[in-house]
Protein backbone atom coordinates (compact mmCIF):
# COMPACT_ATOMS: atom_id res chain seq x y z
CA MET A 1 -0.06 -0.06 0.04
CA ASN A 2 1.52 3.42 -1.03
CA PRO A 3 1.88 6.12 1.76
CA GLU A 4 -1.14 8.14 0.47
CA ASP A 5 -3.41 5.04 0.71
CA LEU A 6 -1.93 4.07 4.19
CA ALA A 7 -2.69 7.52 5.55
CA ILE A 8 -6.30 7.37 4.51
CA SER A 9 -6.79 3.87 6.00
CA ARG A 10 -5.09 5.00 9.29
CA ALA A 11 -7.20 8.23 9.50
CA VAL A 12 -10.48 6.47 9.04
CA ARG A 13 -9.38 3.63 11.44
CA ALA A 14 -8.33 6.06 14.03
CA ALA A 15 -11.81 7.72 14.26
CA PHE A 16 -12.97 4.42 15.97
CA GLY A 17 -10.57 4.81 18.73
CA GLU A 18 -8.42 2.18 20.41
CA THR A 19 -11.29 -0.22 21.20
CA PRO A 20 -13.51 -0.26 18.19
CA PRO A 21 -16.88 -2.23 18.38
CA ARG A 22 -16.57 -5.78 17.05
CA ARG A 23 -19.27 -5.17 14.47
CA ILE A 24 -19.29 -2.04 12.29
CA GLY A 25 -21.96 -0.97 9.88
CA ILE A 26 -21.15 0.94 6.83
CA ALA A 27 -23.70 3.22 4.96
CA VAL A 28 -22.95 2.87 1.13
CA SER A 29 -24.62 4.45 -1.72
CA GLY A 30 -22.27 3.43 -4.64
CA GLY A 31 -20.98 7.06 -4.76
CA GLY A 32 -17.37 7.96 -4.55
CA ASP A 33 -17.36 8.93 -0.73
CA SER A 34 -18.98 5.91 0.53
CA THR A 35 -17.10 3.64 -1.90
CA ALA A 36 -13.77 5.02 -0.56
CA LEU A 37 -15.17 4.51 3.07
CA LEU A 38 -15.96 0.90 2.16
CA LEU A 39 -12.43 0.29 0.89
CA SER A 40 -10.69 2.21 3.71
CA LEU A 41 -12.49 0.30 6.36
CA ALA A 42 -11.86 -3.00 4.76
CA ARG A 43 -8.06 -2.33 4.75
CA GLY A 44 -8.13 -0.57 8.23
CA PHE A 45 -9.78 -3.40 10.04
CA ALA A 46 -8.20 -6.30 8.08
CA GLU A 47 -7.26 -9.11 10.45
CA THR A 48 -8.39 -7.27 13.55
CA GLY A 49 -11.44 -9.42 14.47
CA VAL A 50 -13.86 -6.64 13.52
CA THR A 51 -16.63 -7.73 11.31
CA LEU A 52 -17.94 -5.26 8.80
CA HIS A 53 -21.50 -5.15 7.38
CA ALA A 54 -22.63 -2.66 4.58
CA ALA A 55 -26.12 -1.38 3.81
CA THR A 56 -27.57 0.76 1.01
CA VAL A 57 -30.77 2.73 1.19
CA ASP A 58 -32.68 2.62 -2.01
CA HIS A 59 -35.20 5.55 -1.81
CA GLY A 60 -36.92 4.54 -5.06
CA LEU A 61 -36.82 7.99 -6.40
CA ARG A 62 -34.56 7.49 -9.44
CA PRO A 63 -34.72 4.59 -11.99
CA GLU A 64 -30.90 4.18 -11.48
CA ALA A 65 -31.10 3.54 -7.78
CA ALA A 66 -31.72 -0.07 -7.83
CA ALA A 67 -28.71 -0.60 -10.28
CA GLU A 68 -26.51 1.51 -7.94
CA ALA A 69 -27.50 -0.54 -4.94
CA ARG A 70 -26.63 -3.72 -6.73
CA ALA A 71 -23.18 -2.20 -7.78
CA ALA A 72 -22.58 -1.27 -4.14
CA ALA A 73 -23.38 -4.96 -3.14
CA GLY A 74 -20.90 -6.11 -5.64
CA GLN A 75 -18.19 -3.89 -4.38
CA ALA A 76 -18.92 -4.98 -0.78
CA ALA A 77 -18.78 -8.70 -1.88
CA ASP A 78 -15.50 -8.10 -3.67
CA LEU A 79 -14.00 -6.86 -0.25
CA GLY A 80 -15.65 -9.83 1.69
CA ILE A 81 -18.31 -7.60 3.19
CA SER A 82 -21.91 -8.55 3.71
CA HIS A 83 -24.44 -6.23 2.21
CA ASP A 84 -28.22 -5.43 2.56
CA THR A 85 -30.37 -3.02 0.54
CA LEU A 86 -33.03 -1.19 2.54
CA ARG A 87 -35.97 0.25 0.63
CA TRP A 88 -37.80 3.39 1.35
CA GLN A 89 -41.45 3.74 0.32
CA GLY A 90 -42.57 6.47 2.74
CA TRP A 91 -42.62 9.65 0.47
CA ASP A 92 -46.05 10.87 -0.48
CA GLY A 93 -44.78 13.66 -2.72
CA ALA A 94 -45.45 16.37 -0.11
CA GLY A 95 -42.99 18.41 1.97
CA ASN A 96 -39.18 18.78 1.74
CA LEU A 97 -37.95 15.64 -0.16
CA GLN A 98 -34.22 15.91 0.96
CA ASP A 99 -35.17 16.37 4.64
CA GLN A 100 -37.68 13.46 4.52
CA ALA A 101 -35.17 11.12 2.68
CA ARG A 102 -32.44 11.95 5.26
CA ARG A 103 -34.76 11.21 8.07
CA ALA A 104 -35.73 7.97 6.41
CA ARG A 105 -32.11 6.96 5.89
CA TYR A 106 -31.26 7.21 9.61
CA ALA A 107 -34.52 5.40 10.59
CA LEU A 108 -33.86 2.58 8.18
CA LEU A 109 -30.15 2.16 8.97
CA SER A 110 -30.71 2.37 12.85
CA ASP A 111 -33.38 -0.35 12.47
CA TRP A 112 -31.14 -2.45 10.34
CA ALA A 113 -28.18 -2.02 12.59
CA ARG A 114 -30.28 -2.89 15.72
CA GLY A 115 -31.58 -5.99 13.93
CA GLN A 116 -27.89 -7.04 13.11
CA GLY A 117 -26.44 -6.41 16.60
CA ILE A 118 -24.36 -3.48 15.19
CA PRO A 119 -23.75 -0.71 17.70
CA THR A 120 -21.97 1.73 15.17
CA VAL A 121 -22.65 2.74 11.62
CA ALA A 122 -20.10 4.57 9.58
CA LEU A 123 -21.10 7.45 7.30
CA GLY A 124 -19.11 8.75 4.31
CA HIS A 125 -19.40 12.51 4.89
CA THR A 126 -16.18 14.43 4.09
CA SER A 127 -14.76 17.89 4.93
CA ASP A 128 -16.50 19.34 1.86
CA ASP A 129 -19.91 18.17 3.11
CA ARG A 130 -19.15 19.90 6.50
CA ALA A 131 -18.07 23.09 4.77
CA GLU A 132 -21.25 23.13 2.66
CA THR A 133 -23.37 22.64 5.74
CA VAL A 134 -21.64 25.51 7.58
CA LEU A 135 -22.09 27.74 4.59
CA MET A 136 -25.76 27.01 4.19
CA ARG A 137 -26.35 27.64 7.94
CA LEU A 138 -24.51 30.98 7.76
CA GLY A 139 -27.05 31.95 5.08
CA ARG A 140 -29.80 31.24 7.77
CA ALA A 141 -28.03 33.22 10.22
CA ALA A 142 -27.45 30.17 12.50
CA GLY A 143 -26.04 30.48 16.01
CA VAL A 144 -23.52 28.44 17.83
CA ASP A 145 -25.40 25.14 17.72
CA GLY A 146 -26.08 25.49 13.93
CA LEU A 147 -22.58 26.43 12.99
CA ALA A 148 -21.16 23.49 15.00
CA ALA A 149 -22.20 21.59 12.07
CA MET A 150 -22.05 17.88 11.21
CA HIS A 151 -20.94 16.31 14.47
CA ARG A 152 -18.38 13.60 14.25
CA GLU A 153 -21.06 11.32 15.88
CA ARG A 154 -24.68 11.27 16.58
CA TRP A 155 -27.02 8.77 18.17
CA VAL A 156 -30.30 7.68 16.56
CA ASP A 157 -32.49 5.26 18.57
CA GLY A 158 -29.50 3.84 20.46
CA ILE A 159 -27.21 3.38 17.33
CA ARG A 160 -24.21 5.64 17.05
CA PHE A 161 -23.53 7.00 13.60
CA LEU A 162 -19.87 7.94 13.07
CA ARG A 163 -18.30 10.16 10.48
CA PRO A 164 -14.66 9.00 10.20
CA MET A 165 -13.79 10.91 7.04
CA LEU A 166 -14.36 14.50 8.18
CA SER A 167 -10.70 15.18 7.95
CA LEU A 168 -10.58 14.18 4.21
CA THR A 169 -11.72 15.99 1.08
CA ARG A 170 -13.89 14.78 -1.71
CA GLU A 171 -10.87 14.97 -4.10
CA ASP A 172 -8.62 13.02 -1.57
CA LEU A 173 -11.20 10.17 -1.82
CA ARG A 174 -11.53 10.26 -5.67
CA ALA A 175 -7.89 10.16 -6.01
CA TYR A 176 -7.73 7.27 -3.68
CA LEU A 177 -10.17 5.21 -5.63
CA ARG A 178 -8.58 6.11 -8.93
CA ARG A 179 -5.22 4.82 -7.57
CA ASN A 180 -6.92 1.66 -6.63
CA GLY A 181 -8.81 1.17 -9.83
CA LEU A 182 -12.29 1.40 -8.30
CA THR A 183 -15.31 3.10 -9.99
CA TRP A 184 -18.34 4.79 -8.47
CA SER A 185 -21.58 6.13 -9.37
CA GLU A 186 -22.38 9.74 -9.77
CA ASP A 187 -25.90 10.89 -8.71
CA PRO A 188 -27.27 13.25 -11.19
CA SER A 189 -28.81 15.32 -8.51
CA ASN A 190 -25.25 16.43 -7.56
CA GLU A 191 -25.54 18.88 -10.52
CA ASP A 192 -29.05 20.05 -9.75
CA GLU A 193 -28.92 23.65 -8.44
CA GLY A 194 -32.48 23.37 -7.26
CA TYR A 195 -30.92 21.91 -4.05
CA ALA A 196 -29.34 24.47 -1.63
CA ARG A 197 -26.43 22.08 -1.06
CA ILE A 198 -25.51 22.11 -4.75
CA ARG A 199 -25.58 25.77 -4.88
CA ALA A 200 -23.37 26.07 -1.79
CA ARG A 201 -20.97 23.60 -3.31
CA LYS A 202 -20.63 25.75 -6.48
CA ALA A 203 -20.42 29.01 -4.43
CA LEU A 204 -17.52 27.58 -2.53
CA THR A 205 -15.34 27.68 -5.61
CA GLU A 206 -16.06 31.36 -6.07
CA LEU A 207 -15.53 32.14 -2.36
CA GLU A 208 -11.99 30.84 -2.24
CA ASN A 209 -10.46 34.10 -3.28
CA LEU A 210 -11.86 35.62 -0.04
CA GLY A 211 -10.34 32.92 2.07
CA ILE A 212 -13.69 31.24 2.62
CA THR A 213 -12.38 27.82 1.96
CA THR A 214 -13.36 24.16 2.85
CA SER A 215 -10.64 24.20 5.64
CA ALA A 216 -11.64 27.58 6.93
CA LEU A 217 -15.32 26.72 7.22
CA ASN A 218 -14.28 23.39 8.90
CA ALA A 219 -12.38 25.51 11.44
CA VAL A 220 -15.41 27.57 12.11
CA ALA A 221 -17.36 24.39 12.80
CA ASP A 222 -14.71 23.20 15.19
CA HIS A 223 -14.60 26.56 17.10
CA MET A 224 -18.41 26.53 17.38
CA ALA A 225 -18.33 22.85 18.65
CA GLU A 226 -15.84 23.97 21.28
CA ALA A 227 -18.13 27.02 22.23
CA ARG A 228 -21.07 24.89 22.48
CA GLU A 229 -19.35 22.51 24.79
CA VAL A 230 -18.62 25.56 27.12
CA LEU A 231 -22.12 26.78 26.88
CA GLN A 232 -23.47 23.25 27.82
CA LEU A 233 -21.20 23.34 30.87
CA VAL A 234 -22.34 26.82 32.02
CA GLU A 235 -26.06 25.81 31.33
CA ASP A 236 -25.59 22.87 33.43
CA ALA A 237 -24.25 25.17 36.17
CA GLY A 238 -27.48 27.23 35.92
CA ILE A 239 -26.15 30.27 34.01
CA ASN A 240 -28.35 31.94 31.49
CA HIS A 241 -27.77 30.13 28.10
CA GLY A 242 -29.06 32.82 25.72
CA TYR A 243 -26.94 35.71 27.16
CA LEU A 244 -23.79 33.47 27.12
CA GLU A 245 -24.40 32.25 23.62
CA ASN A 246 -24.50 35.79 22.35
CA GLN A 247 -21.34 36.57 24.23
CA VAL A 248 -19.46 33.42 23.03
CA PHE A 249 -20.70 34.11 19.42
CA SER A 250 -19.41 37.74 19.54
CA THR A 251 -16.14 36.62 20.90
CA ALA A 252 -15.79 33.99 18.07
CA VAL A 253 -16.53 36.69 15.53
CA ARG A 254 -13.91 38.95 16.91
CA ARG A 255 -11.51 36.04 16.93
CA GLY A 256 -12.14 35.48 13.29
CA LYS A 257 -11.24 39.23 12.49
CA GLU A 258 -7.86 39.02 14.28
């Protein structure tokens, strides 16, 4: 394994700590990020006694989705990883599709993991995803909680969802796959500017000249996460949360100007 590939495997593996669970789930879509997650975990946990299981959520919203799920199953099989396809049939055509689909993914994956005895499910979000989320929340004038975007882990119905690739960029992962001769599916909605995330993604390329980069927005999220932890501590101590949030946010803004 070359040094670049080894660094990716080690970074992803390290996110699980010194005592990882014996069974780990992997959410895969067939896209580049989750395909890289699948490969890096297969390598990172090779011969460790950790068993990996993959799952794909087929939302049934695009004709290509079933074929992409089969391709993801094939990639998992090539790496010796079991795979299940989970199908969502809950959208009635009303409301925010992206939000409902996201909620459905977590619900389906948490139910699947619980049934398999899997305590932790890995997700393929990258530093680019996090930066886009921060940018969108800035546009909504989010506070500390909102700007502490995309936590490294979250819990849904007793299942831990972990994002082990937040230190890696989308291009890091595409290069990783190309070096290893792996292909991936491209979701056509990734070019649809009807979605706020896609507009944010394209806007980031224009904002780089102002220093508003992926790394800078990730640093903002880290700073806000630290501020949120402090706010939680003082709230637990009975101090007014709203007042302190305003003070911490103002301090963070001044810090960014220095």
